[in-house]
Amino acid sequence: MIRRLSDLALNNCFRVLRLAILPDRMGRCLVPKPSVEAYPHVANNYVEIITPWPGIAAEEVEQQVTTPSRS
């Protein structure tokens, strides 16, 4: 049985190849591409804070307002 099947496959190699490619082509056509991104962006988040403080230098405002970030 196996010998007959292998002889048939070897004698008709182009038909076997087409039968092997057919499910791949059907799968590519029928399965839609996902529209959702699988991996989120891992970039850092930035926040810009505008603090008006008349009469104070920018460096002093920065020392008073900013805090060290936690990593």
C-alpha atoms as a PDB file:
ATOM      1  CA  MET A   1       0.000   0.000   0.000  1.00  0.00           C
ATOM      2  CA  ILE A   2       2.747   2.481   1.016  1.00  0.00           C
ATOM      3  CA  ARG A   3       4.947   1.385  -1.886  1.00  0.00           C
ATOM      4  CA  ARG A   4       2.113   1.976  -4.351  1.00  0.00           C
ATOM      5  CA  LEU A   5       1.408   5.403  -2.838  1.00  0.00           C
ATOM      6  CA  SER A   6       5.080   6.436  -2.960  1.00  0.00           C
ATOM      7  CA  ASP A   7       5.390   5.209  -6.576  1.00  0.00           C
ATOM      8  CA  LEU A   8       2.302   7.232  -7.500  1.00  0.00           C
ATOM      9  CA  ALA A   9       3.741  10.334  -5.803  1.00  0.00           C
ATOM     10  CA  LEU A  10       7.125   9.947  -7.497  1.00  0.00           C
ATOM     11  CA  ASN A  11       5.614   9.343 -10.932  1.00  0.00           C
ATOM     12  CA  ASN A  12       3.277  12.356 -10.639  1.00  0.00           C
ATOM     13  CA  CYS A  13       5.538  14.810  -8.829  1.00  0.00           C
ATOM     14  CA  PHE A  14       4.004  17.945 -10.428  1.00  0.00           C
ATOM     15  CA  ARG A  15       0.481  16.945  -9.388  1.00  0.00           C
ATOM     16  CA  VAL A  16       1.669  16.250  -5.858  1.00  0.00           C
ATOM     17  CA  LEU A  17       3.444  19.595  -5.765  1.00  0.00           C
ATOM     18  CA  ARG A  18       0.293  21.406  -6.940  1.00  0.00           C
ATOM     19  CA  LEU A  19      -1.767  19.586  -4.299  1.00  0.00           C
ATOM     20  CA  ALA A  20       0.741  20.662  -1.645  1.00  0.00           C
ATOM     21  CA  ILE A  21       0.671  24.307  -2.737  1.00  0.00           C
ATOM     22  CA  LEU A  22      -3.130  24.499  -2.980  1.00  0.00           C
ATOM     23  CA  PRO A  23      -3.864  24.681   0.812  1.00  0.00           C
ATOM     24  CA  ASP A  24      -1.200  27.368   1.206  1.00  0.00           C
ATOM     25  CA  ARG A  25      -2.754  29.530  -1.508  1.00  0.00           C
ATOM     26  CA  MET A  26      -6.251  29.019  -0.142  1.00  0.00           C
ATOM     27  CA  GLY A  27      -5.112  29.924   3.356  1.00  0.00           C
ATOM     28  CA  ARG A  28      -3.460  33.132   2.206  1.00  0.00           C
ATOM     29  CA  CYS A  29      -6.600  34.201   0.359  1.00  0.00           C
ATOM     30  CA  LEU A  30      -9.179  33.231   2.953  1.00  0.00           C
ATOM     31  CA  VAL A  31      -7.499  34.308   6.193  1.00  0.00           C
ATOM     32  CA  PRO A  32      -7.635  38.096   6.578  1.00  0.00           C
ATOM     33  CA  LYS A  33      -4.600  40.017   7.751  1.00  0.00           C
ATOM     34  CA  PRO A  34      -4.953  41.279  11.335  1.00  0.00           C
ATOM     35  CA  SER A  35      -5.495  45.005  11.611  1.00  0.00           C
ATOM     36  CA  VAL A  36      -4.396  45.158  15.250  1.00  0.00           C
ATOM     37  CA  GLU A  37      -0.745  45.685  16.064  1.00  0.00           C
ATOM     38  CA  ALA A  38       0.497  42.744  18.081  1.00  0.00           C
ATOM     39  CA  TYR A  39       3.261  44.557  19.923  1.00  0.00           C
ATOM     40  CA  PRO A  40       2.761  47.939  21.613  1.00  0.00           C
ATOM     41  CA  HIS A  41       5.231  50.759  21.169  1.00  0.00           C
ATOM     42  CA  VAL A  42       7.749  50.722  23.984  1.00  0.00           C
ATOM     43  CA  ALA A  43       8.899  54.324  23.656  1.00  0.00           C
ATOM     44  CA  ASN A  44       9.078  56.481  26.755  1.00  0.00           C
ATOM     45  CA  ASN A  45       6.156  58.760  27.509  1.00  0.00           C
ATOM     46  CA  TYR A  46       6.938  62.451  27.760  1.00  0.00           C
ATOM     47  CA  VAL A  47       4.970  65.179  29.484  1.00  0.00           C
ATOM     48  CA  GLU A  48       5.645  68.846  28.898  1.00  0.00           C
ATOM     49  CA  ILE A  49       4.749  71.178  31.749  1.00  0.00           C
ATOM     50  CA  ILE A  50       4.724  74.936  31.205  1.00  0.00           C
ATOM     51  CA  THR A  51       5.141  76.781  34.508  1.00  0.00           C
ATOM     52  CA  PRO A  52       5.113  80.559  34.374  1.00  0.00           C
ATOM     53  CA  TRP A  53       6.859  82.070  37.403  1.00  0.00           C
ATOM     54  CA  PRO A  54       7.745  85.729  36.814  1.00  0.00           C
ATOM     55  CA  GLY A  55      10.985  86.985  38.311  1.00  0.00           C
ATOM     56  CA  ILE A  56      12.554  83.531  38.828  1.00  0.00           C
ATOM     57  CA  ALA A  57      15.286  82.067  36.627  1.00  0.00           C
ATOM     58  CA  ALA A  58      14.496  78.979  34.548  1.00  0.00           C
ATOM     59  CA  GLU A  59      17.027  76.864  36.467  1.00  0.00           C
ATOM     60  CA  GLU A  60      15.377  77.713  39.780  1.00  0.00           C
ATOM     61  CA  VAL A  61      11.920  76.838  38.435  1.00  0.00           C
ATOM     62  CA  GLU A  62      13.293  73.542  37.176  1.00  0.00           C
ATOM     63  CA  GLN A  63      14.764  72.749  40.591  1.00  0.00           C
ATOM     64  CA  GLN A  64      11.502  73.566  42.336  1.00  0.00           C
ATOM     65  CA  VAL A  65       9.118  71.777  39.935  1.00  0.00           C
ATOM     66  CA  THR A  66      10.896  68.704  38.595  1.00  0.00           C
ATOM     67  CA  THR A  67      11.412  65.506  40.541  1.00  0.00           C
ATOM     68  CA  PRO A  68      13.690  62.592  39.653  1.00  0.00           C
ATOM     69  CA  SER A  69      11.985  59.947  37.501  1.00  0.00           C
ATOM     70  CA  ARG A  70      11.665  56.403  38.821  1.00  0.00           C
ATOM     71  CA  SER A  71      13.164  53.757  36.599  1.00  0.00           C
END
